[in-house]
Amino acid sequence: MRKTILLLSAAVMLIGCTPVVNQRGYLPDPDAEKKITAGKDTKTTIQAALGYPSTEATFTQAGDAWYYITSVEKQMAFFNPTVQSRAVLAVYFDKDGKVTDLKHYTLRDGHVVAFETRETPSHGRELTFLQQLFNATPGVPMGQGNANTPNPGGGNDGPPGGGN
């Protein structure tokens, strides 16, 4: 009996270690991509053929860019997931909204970005949780606020409705 419970427990633990593979994102049909013509197709025709992009370029100088992104991640038990593959289709537009180029990128084209972990100090007094919870006027020390105190950010000089 004890041996059976031990074997069942071990089996359940091993099942928990099975890798989980997640596919995220959307990559359009390659046949639809082949029908796209630079200089002829527009954002409207691209959207009809490929669908909405995963994201759009925020800062562009010459025109605009749409990105269709998909990635496959594998996670084993409680460990951090690892990216197995990534595919990006970039559709570039000119200022008139016509396609100028299509490019494919993979995981090898990506760059690892080192995030800054330092914190910017903020000046002022640190409030405790209870002070934050019970302080009705943010930024005004407890016990010093009053309904007729002017709002430092603008607005009215008294209670709502202009009462005295």
C-alpha atoms as a PDB file:
ATOM      1  CA  MET A   1       0.000   0.000   0.000  1.00  0.00           C
ATOM      2  CA  ARG A   2       2.754   2.394   0.974  1.00  0.00           C
ATOM      3  CA  LYS A   3       4.724   1.541  -2.144  1.00  0.00           C
ATOM      4  CA  THR A   4       1.671   2.220  -4.342  1.00  0.00           C
ATOM      5  CA  ILE A   5       1.127   5.654  -2.789  1.00  0.00           C
ATOM      6  CA  LEU A   6       4.802   6.465  -3.243  1.00  0.00           C
ATOM      7  CA  LEU A   7       4.712   5.420  -6.918  1.00  0.00           C
ATOM      8  CA  LEU A   8       1.518   7.400  -7.559  1.00  0.00           C
ATOM      9  CA  SER A   9       3.029  10.477  -5.894  1.00  0.00           C
ATOM     10  CA  ALA A  10       6.160  10.172  -8.020  1.00  0.00           C
ATOM     11  CA  ALA A  11       4.046   9.808 -11.177  1.00  0.00           C
ATOM     12  CA  VAL A  12       2.024  12.928 -10.335  1.00  0.00           C
ATOM     13  CA  MET A  13       5.230  14.895  -9.711  1.00  0.00           C
ATOM     14  CA  LEU A  14       6.711  13.776 -13.020  1.00  0.00           C
ATOM     15  CA  ILE A  15       3.560  14.821 -14.874  1.00  0.00           C
ATOM     16  CA  GLY A  16       4.027  18.299 -13.379  1.00  0.00           C
ATOM     17  CA  CYS A  17       7.467  18.439 -15.019  1.00  0.00           C
ATOM     18  CA  THR A  18       6.085  17.987 -18.529  1.00  0.00           C
ATOM     19  CA  PRO A  19       7.135  20.933 -20.690  1.00  0.00           C
ATOM     20  CA  VAL A  20       4.387  23.347 -21.723  1.00  0.00           C
ATOM     21  CA  VAL A  21       4.702  24.885 -25.191  1.00  0.00           C
ATOM     22  CA  ASN A  22       2.854  28.160 -25.845  1.00  0.00           C
ATOM     23  CA  GLN A  23       2.437  29.812 -29.216  1.00  0.00           C
ATOM     24  CA  ARG A  24       1.579  33.493 -29.074  1.00  0.00           C
ATOM     25  CA  GLY A  25       0.852  35.999 -31.774  1.00  0.00           C
ATOM     26  CA  TYR A  26      -0.203  35.801 -35.400  1.00  0.00           C
ATOM     27  CA  LEU A  27       1.792  35.363 -38.570  1.00  0.00           C
ATOM     28  CA  PRO A  28      -0.168  35.816 -41.803  1.00  0.00           C
ATOM     29  CA  ASP A  29      -0.529  33.162 -44.479  1.00  0.00           C
ATOM     30  CA  PRO A  30       2.576  33.088 -46.741  1.00  0.00           C
ATOM     31  CA  ASP A  31       0.354  32.888 -49.841  1.00  0.00           C
ATOM     32  CA  ALA A  32      -1.325  36.166 -48.855  1.00  0.00           C
ATOM     33  CA  GLU A  33       2.119  37.771 -48.430  1.00  0.00           C
ATOM     34  CA  LYS A  34       3.160  36.786 -51.956  1.00  0.00           C
ATOM     35  CA  LYS A  35       0.232  38.744 -53.417  1.00  0.00           C
ATOM     36  CA  ILE A  36       1.404  42.030 -51.866  1.00  0.00           C
ATOM     37  CA  THR A  37       2.945  44.469 -54.332  1.00  0.00           C
ATOM     38  CA  ALA A  38       5.198  47.310 -53.193  1.00  0.00           C
ATOM     39  CA  GLY A  39       4.041  50.692 -54.495  1.00  0.00           C
ATOM     40  CA  LYS A  40       0.533  49.399 -55.217  1.00  0.00           C
ATOM     41  CA  ASP A  41      -0.945  47.991 -52.005  1.00  0.00           C
ATOM     42  CA  THR A  42      -2.082  50.344 -49.251  1.00  0.00           C
ATOM     43  CA  LYS A  43      -2.798  50.005 -45.531  1.00  0.00           C
ATOM     44  CA  THR A  44      -6.413  49.173 -46.357  1.00  0.00           C
ATOM     45  CA  THR A  45      -5.515  46.344 -48.743  1.00  0.00           C
ATOM     46  CA  ILE A  46      -2.866  45.015 -46.337  1.00  0.00           C
ATOM     47  CA  GLN A  47      -5.375  44.965 -43.496  1.00  0.00           C
ATOM     48  CA  ALA A  48      -7.873  43.121 -45.702  1.00  0.00           C
ATOM     49  CA  ALA A  49      -5.253  40.565 -46.815  1.00  0.00           C
ATOM     50  CA  LEU A  50      -3.262  40.032 -43.612  1.00  0.00           C
ATOM     51  CA  GLY A  51      -5.515  41.301 -40.820  1.00  0.00           C
ATOM     52  CA  TYR A  52      -4.664  43.749 -38.062  1.00  0.00           C
ATOM     53  CA  PRO A  53      -0.966  43.932 -37.124  1.00  0.00           C
ATOM     54  CA  SER A  54       0.350  42.796 -33.738  1.00  0.00           C
ATOM     55  CA  THR A  55       1.883  46.237 -33.261  1.00  0.00           C
ATOM     56  CA  GLU A  56       2.734  49.394 -35.167  1.00  0.00           C
ATOM     57  CA  ALA A  57       5.916  51.450 -35.216  1.00  0.00           C
ATOM     58  CA  THR A  58       5.811  54.363 -32.812  1.00  0.00           C
ATOM     59  CA  PHE A  59       8.661  56.467 -34.161  1.00  0.00           C
ATOM     60  CA  THR A  60       9.232  56.530 -37.894  1.00  0.00           C
ATOM     61  CA  GLN A  61      10.743  59.192 -40.114  1.00  0.00           C
ATOM     62  CA  ALA A  62       9.911  58.069 -43.647  1.00  0.00           C
ATOM     63  CA  GLY A  63       6.468  56.525 -43.182  1.00  0.00           C
ATOM     64  CA  ASP A  64       4.906  53.842 -41.064  1.00  0.00           C
ATOM     65  CA  ALA A  65       5.529  50.182 -40.240  1.00  0.00           C
ATOM     66  CA  TRP A  66       3.258  47.340 -39.191  1.00  0.00           C
ATOM     67  CA  TYR A  67       4.557  44.226 -37.468  1.00  0.00           C
ATOM     68  CA  TYR A  68       2.961  40.774 -37.400  1.00  0.00           C
ATOM     69  CA  ILE A  69       4.657  38.808 -34.616  1.00  0.00           C
ATOM     70  CA  THR A  70       4.492  35.214 -33.416  1.00  0.00           C
ATOM     71  CA  SER A  71       6.660  33.386 -30.899  1.00  0.00           C
ATOM     72  CA  VAL A  72       6.873  29.898 -29.426  1.00  0.00           C
ATOM     73  CA  GLU A  73       7.893  29.542 -25.768  1.00  0.00           C
ATOM     74  CA  LYS A  74       8.654  26.407 -23.781  1.00  0.00           C
ATOM     75  CA  GLN A  75       8.357  26.248 -19.999  1.00  0.00           C
ATOM     76  CA  MET A  76       9.443  23.369 -17.813  1.00  0.00           C
ATOM     77  CA  ALA A  77       7.708  23.187 -14.412  1.00  0.00           C
ATOM     78  CA  PHE A  78       8.354  26.376 -12.411  1.00  0.00           C
ATOM     79  CA  PHE A  79      11.372  27.573 -14.423  1.00  0.00           C
ATOM     80  CA  ASN A  80      11.267  30.717 -16.543  1.00  0.00           C
ATOM     81  CA  PRO A  81      10.009  30.111 -20.083  1.00  0.00           C
ATOM     82  CA  THR A  82      12.531  30.084 -22.934  1.00  0.00           C
ATOM     83  CA  VAL A  83      11.734  31.417 -26.380  1.00  0.00           C
ATOM     84  CA  GLN A  84      12.136  28.616 -28.923  1.00  0.00           C
ATOM     85  CA  SER A  85      11.365  30.632 -32.044  1.00  0.00           C
ATOM     86  CA  ARG A  86      10.115  34.037 -33.121  1.00  0.00           C
ATOM     87  CA  ALA A  87       8.978  35.240 -36.525  1.00  0.00           C
ATOM     88  CA  VAL A  88       8.229  38.839 -37.438  1.00  0.00           C
ATOM     89  CA  LEU A  89       6.770  40.126 -40.682  1.00  0.00           C
ATOM     90  CA  ALA A  90       7.423  43.855 -41.053  1.00  0.00           C
ATOM     91  CA  VAL A  91       5.381  45.791 -43.600  1.00  0.00           C
ATOM     92  CA  TYR A  92       6.792  49.248 -44.334  1.00  0.00           C
ATOM     93  CA  PHE A  93       4.713  52.107 -45.763  1.00  0.00           C
ATOM     94  CA  ASP A  94       5.604  55.478 -47.255  1.00  0.00           C
ATOM     95  CA  LYS A  95       4.017  58.761 -46.163  1.00  0.00           C
ATOM     96  CA  ASP A  96       1.107  58.168 -48.562  1.00  0.00           C
ATOM     97  CA  GLY A  97       0.308  54.810 -46.934  1.00  0.00           C
ATOM     98  CA  LYS A  98       1.573  52.632 -49.789  1.00  0.00           C
ATOM     99  CA  VAL A  99       3.722  49.550 -49.175  1.00  0.00           C
ATOM    100  CA  THR A 100       7.439  50.128 -49.733  1.00  0.00           C
ATOM    101  CA  ASP A 101       8.869  46.851 -48.421  1.00  0.00           C
ATOM    102  CA  LEU A 102       8.183  43.580 -46.596  1.00  0.00           C
ATOM    103  CA  LYS A 103      10.854  42.020 -44.397  1.00  0.00           C
ATOM    104  CA  HIS A 104      11.048  38.868 -42.310  1.00  0.00           C
ATOM    105  CA  TYR A 105      12.919  38.755 -39.005  1.00  0.00           C
ATOM    106  CA  THR A 106      13.662  35.835 -36.682  1.00  0.00           C
ATOM    107  CA  LEU A 107      14.914  35.348 -33.150  1.00  0.00           C
ATOM    108  CA  ARG A 108      18.489  35.714 -34.415  1.00  0.00           C
ATOM    109  CA  ASP A 109      17.752  39.255 -35.615  1.00  0.00           C
ATOM    110  CA  GLY A 110      16.675  40.371 -32.134  1.00  0.00           C
ATOM    111  CA  HIS A 111      18.811  42.131 -29.551  1.00  0.00           C
ATOM    112  CA  VAL A 112      18.862  41.547 -25.808  1.00  0.00           C
ATOM    113  CA  VAL A 113      18.200  44.796 -23.977  1.00  0.00           C
ATOM    114  CA  ALA A 114      19.765  45.319 -20.556  1.00  0.00           C
ATOM    115  CA  PHE A 115      17.198  46.982 -18.326  1.00  0.00           C
ATOM    116  CA  GLU A 116      18.376  49.533 -15.783  1.00  0.00           C
ATOM    117  CA  THR A 117      17.595  48.359 -12.256  1.00  0.00           C
ATOM    118  CA  ARG A 118      18.497  51.533 -10.382  1.00  0.00           C
ATOM    119  CA  GLU A 119      15.648  53.613  -8.980  1.00  0.00           C
ATOM    120  CA  THR A 120      15.229  57.346  -9.291  1.00  0.00           C
ATOM    121  CA  PRO A 121      14.829  58.830  -5.808  1.00  0.00           C
ATOM    122  CA  SER A 122      11.755  60.965  -5.244  1.00  0.00           C
ATOM    123  CA  HIS A 123      11.865  63.855  -2.846  1.00  0.00           C
ATOM    124  CA  GLY A 124       9.349  64.312  -0.117  1.00  0.00           C
ATOM    125  CA  ARG A 125       8.126  62.457   2.885  1.00  0.00           C
ATOM    126  CA  GLU A 126       7.448  58.734   2.862  1.00  0.00           C
ATOM    127  CA  LEU A 127       3.900  58.037   4.044  1.00  0.00           C
ATOM    128  CA  THR A 128       2.994  54.888   5.896  1.00  0.00           C
ATOM    129  CA  PHE A 129       0.221  52.668   4.577  1.00  0.00           C
ATOM    130  CA  LEU A 130      -2.261  54.005   7.159  1.00  0.00           C
ATOM    131  CA  GLN A 131      -1.357  57.624   6.389  1.00  0.00           C
ATOM    132  CA  GLN A 132      -1.962  56.996   2.705  1.00  0.00           C
ATOM    133  CA  LEU A 133      -5.220  55.214   3.470  1.00  0.00           C
ATOM    134  CA  PHE A 134      -6.700  57.872   5.761  1.00  0.00           C
ATOM    135  CA  ASN A 135      -5.270  61.024   4.181  1.00  0.00           C
ATOM    136  CA  ALA A 136      -8.203  62.584   2.286  1.00  0.00           C
ATOM    137  CA  THR A 137      -6.101  65.150   0.417  1.00  0.00           C
ATOM    138  CA  PRO A 138      -3.038  63.665  -1.273  1.00  0.00           C
ATOM    139  CA  GLY A 139       0.097  65.705  -0.728  1.00  0.00           C
ATOM    140  CA  VAL A 140      -1.260  67.533   2.341  1.00  0.00           C
ATOM    141  CA  PRO A 141       0.144  66.276   5.660  1.00  0.00           C
ATOM    142  CA  MET A 142      -2.447  64.756   7.984  1.00  0.00           C
ATOM    143  CA  GLY A 143      -4.160  67.268  10.210  1.00  0.00           C
ATOM    144  CA  GLN A 144      -3.094  70.266   8.098  1.00  0.00           C
ATOM    145  CA  GLY A 145      -5.678  70.065   5.313  1.00  0.00           C
ATOM    146  CA  ASN A 146      -8.873  72.095   5.322  1.00  0.00           C
ATOM    147  CA  ALA A 147     -11.683  72.545   2.836  1.00  0.00           C
ATOM    148  CA  ASN A 148     -10.708  76.175   2.109  1.00  0.00           C
ATOM    149  CA  THR A 149      -7.030  75.420   1.388  1.00  0.00           C
ATOM    150  CA  PRO A 150      -6.215  76.322  -2.226  1.00  0.00           C
ATOM    151  CA  ASN A 151      -5.398  73.495  -4.576  1.00  0.00           C
ATOM    152  CA  PRO A 152      -1.683  73.793  -5.446  1.00  0.00           C
ATOM    153  CA  GLY A 153      -2.311  72.386  -8.933  1.00  0.00           C
ATOM    154  CA  GLY A 154      -4.957  74.961  -9.820  1.00  0.00           C
ATOM    155  CA  GLY A 155      -8.694  74.634  -9.708  1.00  0.00           C
ATOM    156  CA  ASN A 156     -10.937  76.432  -7.247  1.00  0.00           C
ATOM    157  CA  ASP A 157      -9.968  78.095  -3.991  1.00  0.00           C
ATOM    158  CA  GLY A 158     -12.598  76.505  -1.833  1.00  0.00           C
ATOM    159  CA  PRO A 159     -15.136  73.778  -1.555  1.00  0.00           C
ATOM    160  CA  PRO A 160     -17.078  72.693  -4.641  1.00  0.00           C
ATOM    161  CA  GLY A 161     -19.889  75.076  -5.570  1.00  0.00           C
ATOM    162  CA  GLY A 162     -18.008  78.135  -4.287  1.00  0.00           C
ATOM    163  CA  GLY A 163     -19.453  77.922  -0.774  1.00  0.00           C
ATOM    164  CA  ASN A 164     -17.911  79.876   2.121  1.00  0.00           C
END
